[in-house]
C-alpha atoms as a PDB file:
ATOM      1  CA  UNK A   1      87.840  92.291 130.134  1.00  0.00           C
ATOM      2  CA  UNK A   2      86.126  93.953 127.184  1.00  0.00           C
ATOM      3  CA  UNK A   3      86.580  92.441 123.713  1.00  0.00           C
ATOM      4  CA  UNK A   4      85.563  94.244 120.534  1.00  0.00           C
ATOM      5  CA  UNK A   5      84.145  91.762 118.016  1.00  0.00           C
ATOM      6  CA  UNK A   6      83.379  92.204 114.313  1.00  0.00           C
ATOM      7  CA  UNK A   7      82.094  90.004 111.520  1.00  0.00           C
ATOM      8  CA  UNK A   8      80.894  90.776 108.032  1.00  0.00           C
ATOM      9  CA  UNK A   9      78.333  87.955 108.046  1.00  0.00           C
ATOM     10  CA  UNK A  10      76.339  86.021 110.637  1.00  0.00           C
ATOM     11  CA  UNK A  11      77.593  82.652 109.385  1.00  0.00           C
ATOM     12  CA  UNK A  12      79.906  79.981 110.724  1.00  0.00           C
ATOM     13  CA  UNK A  13      81.092  80.732 114.239  1.00  0.00           C
ATOM     14  CA  UNK A  14      80.176  84.454 114.146  1.00  0.00           C
ATOM     15  CA  UNK A  15      77.145  84.194 116.453  1.00  0.00           C
ATOM     16  CA  UNK A  16      78.741  81.472 118.551  1.00  0.00           C
ATOM     17  CA  UNK A  17      81.802  83.662 119.116  1.00  0.00           C
ATOM     18  CA  UNK A  18      79.888  86.245 121.154  1.00  0.00           C
ATOM     19  CA  UNK A  19      78.132  83.526 123.158  1.00  0.00           C
ATOM     20  CA  UNK A  20      81.488  81.870 123.911  1.00  0.00           C
ATOM     21  CA  UNK A  21      83.047  85.149 125.014  1.00  0.00           C
ATOM     22  CA  UNK A  22      80.101  85.842 127.341  1.00  0.00           C
ATOM     23  CA  UNK A  23      80.376  82.300 128.713  1.00  0.00           C
ATOM     24  CA  UNK A  24      83.987  83.126 129.607  1.00  0.00           C
ATOM     25  CA  UNK A  25      82.790  86.197 131.519  1.00  0.00           C
ATOM     26  CA  UNK A  26      83.989  88.704 128.929  1.00  0.00           C
ATOM     27  CA  UNK A  27      82.100  91.819 127.890  1.00  0.00           C
ATOM     28  CA  UNK A  28      81.741  92.430 124.148  1.00  0.00           C
ATOM     29  CA  UNK A  29      81.349  95.390 121.816  1.00  0.00           C
ATOM     30  CA  UNK A  30      79.749  94.210 118.565  1.00  0.00           C
ATOM     31  CA  UNK A  31      80.402  95.601 115.076  1.00  0.00           C
ATOM     32  CA  UNK A  32      79.383  94.890 111.507  1.00  0.00           C
ATOM     33  CA  UNK A  33      76.870  92.082 111.004  1.00  0.00           C
ATOM     34  CA  UNK A  34      76.896  91.504 114.774  1.00  0.00           C
ATOM     35  CA  UNK A  35      75.432  94.988 115.262  1.00  0.00           C
ATOM     36  CA  UNK A  36      71.997  96.069 114.100  1.00  0.00           C
ATOM     37  CA  UNK A  37      73.092  99.594 113.165  1.00  0.00           C
ATOM     38  CA  UNK A  38      76.506  99.397 111.496  1.00  0.00           C
ATOM     39  CA  UNK A  39      77.772  98.740 108.012  1.00  0.00           C
ATOM     40  CA  UNK A  40      78.662  95.046 107.814  1.00  0.00           C
ATOM     41  CA  UNK A  41      81.391  95.051 105.150  1.00  0.00           C
ATOM     42  CA  UNK A  42      84.612  93.504 106.431  1.00  0.00           C
ATOM     43  CA  UNK A  43      86.781  96.607 106.001  1.00  0.00           C
ATOM     44  CA  UNK A  44      84.425  98.845 107.973  1.00  0.00           C
ATOM     45  CA  UNK A  45      83.512  96.312 110.647  1.00  0.00           C
ATOM     46  CA  UNK A  46      87.094  95.196 111.316  1.00  0.00           C
ATOM     47  CA  UNK A  47      88.396  98.762 111.421  1.00  0.00           C
ATOM     48  CA  UNK A  48      85.689  99.688 113.949  1.00  0.00           C
ATOM     49  CA  UNK A  49      86.702  96.818 116.249  1.00  0.00           C
ATOM     50  CA  UNK A  50      90.381  97.693 115.863  1.00  0.00           C
ATOM     51  CA  UNK A  51      89.689 101.349 116.723  1.00  0.00           C
ATOM     52  CA  UNK A  52      87.997 100.187 119.939  1.00  0.00           C
ATOM     53  CA  UNK A  53      91.263  98.488 120.925  1.00  0.00           C
ATOM     54  CA  UNK A  54      93.537 101.311 119.766  1.00  0.00           C
ATOM     55  CA  UNK A  55      91.443 103.936 121.569  1.00  0.00           C
ATOM     56  CA  UNK A  56      91.108 101.939 124.789  1.00  0.00           C
ATOM     57  CA  UNK A  57      87.410 101.054 124.679  1.00  0.00           C
ATOM     58  CA  UNK A  58      88.390  97.359 124.527  1.00  0.00           C
ATOM     59  CA  UNK A  59      91.451  95.477 125.713  1.00  0.00           C
ATOM     60  CA  UNK A  60      91.500  93.142 122.700  1.00  0.00           C
ATOM     61  CA  UNK A  61      89.611  92.527 119.487  1.00  0.00           C
ATOM     62  CA  UNK A  62      88.413  89.611 117.390  1.00  0.00           C
ATOM     63  CA  UNK A  63      87.584  90.197 113.726  1.00  0.00           C
ATOM     64  CA  UNK A  64      86.061  87.716 111.281  1.00  0.00           C
ATOM     65  CA  UNK A  65      85.357  87.436 107.595  1.00  0.00           C
ATOM     66  CA  UNK A  66      85.012  84.507 105.203  1.00  0.00           C
ATOM     67  CA  UNK A  67      88.771  83.849 105.007  1.00  0.00           C
ATOM     68  CA  UNK A  68      89.898  86.085 107.871  1.00  0.00           C
ATOM     69  CA  UNK A  69      92.432  87.718 105.566  1.00  0.00           C
ATOM     70  CA  UNK A  70      90.499  90.893 104.760  1.00  0.00           C
ATOM     71  CA  UNK A  71      89.511  91.337 108.400  1.00  0.00           C
ATOM     72  CA  UNK A  72      93.146  91.084 109.505  1.00  0.00           C
ATOM     73  CA  UNK A  73      94.329  93.495 106.802  1.00  0.00           C
ATOM     74  CA  UNK A  74      91.682  96.081 107.731  1.00  0.00           C
ATOM     75  CA  UNK A  75      92.432  95.810 111.454  1.00  0.00           C
ATOM     76  CA  UNK A  76      96.160  96.191 110.828  1.00  0.00           C
ATOM     77  CA  UNK A  77      95.578  99.536 109.085  1.00  0.00           C
ATOM     78  CA  UNK A  78      94.650 101.043 112.474  1.00  0.00           C
ATOM     79  CA  UNK A  79      97.647 102.478 114.333  1.00  0.00           C
ATOM     80  CA  UNK A  80      98.673 100.406 117.343  1.00  0.00           C
ATOM     81  CA  UNK A  81      96.990  97.215 116.161  1.00  0.00           C
ATOM     82  CA  UNK A  82      98.791  93.932 115.693  1.00  0.00           C
ATOM     83  CA  UNK A  83      96.160  91.627 114.208  1.00  0.00           C
ATOM     84  CA  UNK A  84      96.990  87.981 113.591  1.00  0.00           C
ATOM     85  CA  UNK A  85      95.028  85.566 111.418  1.00  0.00           C
ATOM     86  CA  UNK A  86      95.000  82.329 113.406  1.00  0.00           C
ATOM     87  CA  UNK A  87      93.720  79.006 112.137  1.00  0.00           C
ATOM     88  CA  UNK A  88      94.855  76.890 115.079  1.00  0.00           C
ATOM     89  CA  UNK A  89      95.697  77.130 118.773  1.00  0.00           C
ATOM     90  CA  UNK A  90      99.473  77.008 118.306  1.00  0.00           C
ATOM     91  CA  UNK A  91      99.386  79.989 115.953  1.00  0.00           C
ATOM     92  CA  UNK A  92      97.147  81.910 118.369  1.00  0.00           C
ATOM     93  CA  UNK A  93      99.512  81.244 121.278  1.00  0.00           C
ATOM     94  CA  UNK A  94     102.508  82.270 119.191  1.00  0.00           C
ATOM     95  CA  UNK A  95     100.788  85.447 118.026  1.00  0.00           C
ATOM     96  CA  UNK A  96     100.142  86.476 121.622  1.00  0.00           C
ATOM     97  CA  UNK A  97     103.552  85.386 122.945  1.00  0.00           C
ATOM     98  CA  UNK A  98     105.987  86.566 120.279  1.00  0.00           C
ATOM     99  CA  UNK A  99     103.981  89.224 118.435  1.00  0.00           C
ATOM    100  CA  UNK A 100     101.990  90.708 121.338  1.00  0.00           C
ATOM    101  CA  UNK A 101      98.970  90.518 119.014  1.00  0.00           C
ATOM    102  CA  UNK A 102      95.999  92.488 120.309  1.00  0.00           C
ATOM    103  CA  UNK A 103      93.466  91.505 117.636  1.00  0.00           C
ATOM    104  CA  UNK A 104      92.645  87.932 116.663  1.00  0.00           C
ATOM    105  CA  UNK A 105      91.413  87.384 113.101  1.00  0.00           C
ATOM    106  CA  UNK A 106      89.363  84.288 112.304  1.00  0.00           C
ATOM    107  CA  UNK A 107      88.023  82.648 109.168  1.00  0.00           C
ATOM    108  CA  UNK A 108      84.272  82.094 109.197  1.00  0.00           C
ATOM    109  CA  UNK A 109      84.794  79.412 106.527  1.00  0.00           C
ATOM    110  CA  UNK A 110      87.340  77.188 108.257  1.00  0.00           C
ATOM    111  CA  UNK A 111      86.901  77.766 111.994  1.00  0.00           C
ATOM    112  CA  UNK A 112      84.754  75.018 113.532  1.00  0.00           C
ATOM    113  CA  UNK A 113      83.156  75.258 116.973  1.00  0.00           C
ATOM    114  CA  UNK A 114      85.786  72.965 118.466  1.00  0.00           C
ATOM    115  CA  UNK A 115      88.610  74.891 116.823  1.00  0.00           C
ATOM    116  CA  UNK A 116      87.143  78.187 118.029  1.00  0.00           C
ATOM    117  CA  UNK A 117      87.290  76.968 121.621  1.00  0.00           C
ATOM    118  CA  UNK A 118      90.897  75.791 121.224  1.00  0.00           C
ATOM    119  CA  UNK A 119      91.999  79.051 119.579  1.00  0.00           C
ATOM    120  CA  UNK A 120      90.301  81.187 122.248  1.00  0.00           C
ATOM    121  CA  UNK A 121      91.816  79.058 125.033  1.00  0.00           C
ATOM    122  CA  UNK A 122      95.297  79.567 123.601  1.00  0.00           C
ATOM    123  CA  UNK A 123      94.726  83.270 122.894  1.00  0.00           C
ATOM    124  CA  UNK A 124      93.470  84.150 126.363  1.00  0.00           C
ATOM    125  CA  UNK A 125      95.859  81.881 128.296  1.00  0.00           C
ATOM    126  CA  UNK A 126      99.016  83.221 126.617  1.00  0.00           C
ATOM    127  CA  UNK A 127     100.745  86.391 127.773  1.00  0.00           C
ATOM    128  CA  UNK A 128     103.124  88.451 125.647  1.00  0.00           C
ATOM    129  CA  UNK A 129     106.792  87.557 126.042  1.00  0.00           C
ATOM    130  CA  UNK A 130     108.991  89.725 128.253  1.00  0.00           C
ATOM    131  CA  UNK A 131     112.112  88.585 126.364  1.00  0.00           C
ATOM    132  CA  UNK A 132     114.176  91.588 125.267  1.00  0.00           C
ATOM    133  CA  UNK A 133     114.423  90.396 121.647  1.00  0.00           C
ATOM    134  CA  UNK A 134     110.649  89.943 121.417  1.00  0.00           C
ATOM    135  CA  UNK A 135     110.023  93.382 122.982  1.00  0.00           C
ATOM    136  CA  UNK A 136     112.550  94.919 120.555  1.00  0.00           C
ATOM    137  CA  UNK A 137     110.554  93.534 117.631  1.00  0.00           C
ATOM    138  CA  UNK A 138     107.317  95.054 118.967  1.00  0.00           C
ATOM    139  CA  UNK A 139     109.074  98.399 119.540  1.00  0.00           C
ATOM    140  CA  UNK A 140     110.374  98.254 115.961  1.00  0.00           C
ATOM    141  CA  UNK A 141     106.819  97.783 114.676  1.00  0.00           C
ATOM    142  CA  UNK A 142     105.817 100.967 116.492  1.00  0.00           C
ATOM    143  CA  UNK A 143     108.687 102.848 114.846  1.00  0.00           C
ATOM    144  CA  UNK A 144     107.636 101.554 111.420  1.00  0.00           C
ATOM    145  CA  UNK A 145     104.088 102.679 112.092  1.00  0.00           C
ATOM    146  CA  UNK A 146     105.182 106.217 113.008  1.00  0.00           C
ATOM    147  CA  UNK A 147     107.284 106.397 109.830  1.00  0.00           C
ATOM    148  CA  UNK A 148     104.249 106.008 107.568  1.00  0.00           C
END
């Protein structure tokens, strides 16, 4: 699986994130401060990672900034992206299950190494719900997006 990853700084778990993904056997596409050639501001870096997912170059994305908020907002501006800011494993599992989130947003300030592992475990081990109500919500999001 290919994961598009973006960060606006090489602090906190930013560098560790790519190492952890590789350890799990995942391929990565790096953006922002994790790339040597791209603009590293959170809006640009997160949008680039989200476009990789929306355009099929990556199956999922992970975007990071100091709080994770800006990264999630920027990613969610890309059509077809459902980015979720997750500060714990339960939220990550819920975002995948009920929201069919395809981009994980993380805070570089509050995500510890141990928490990163727990969040990634939950994210990658949880499949989107097949429940008709949950699927109806995701379909409604697509309709809202087209109405912009």
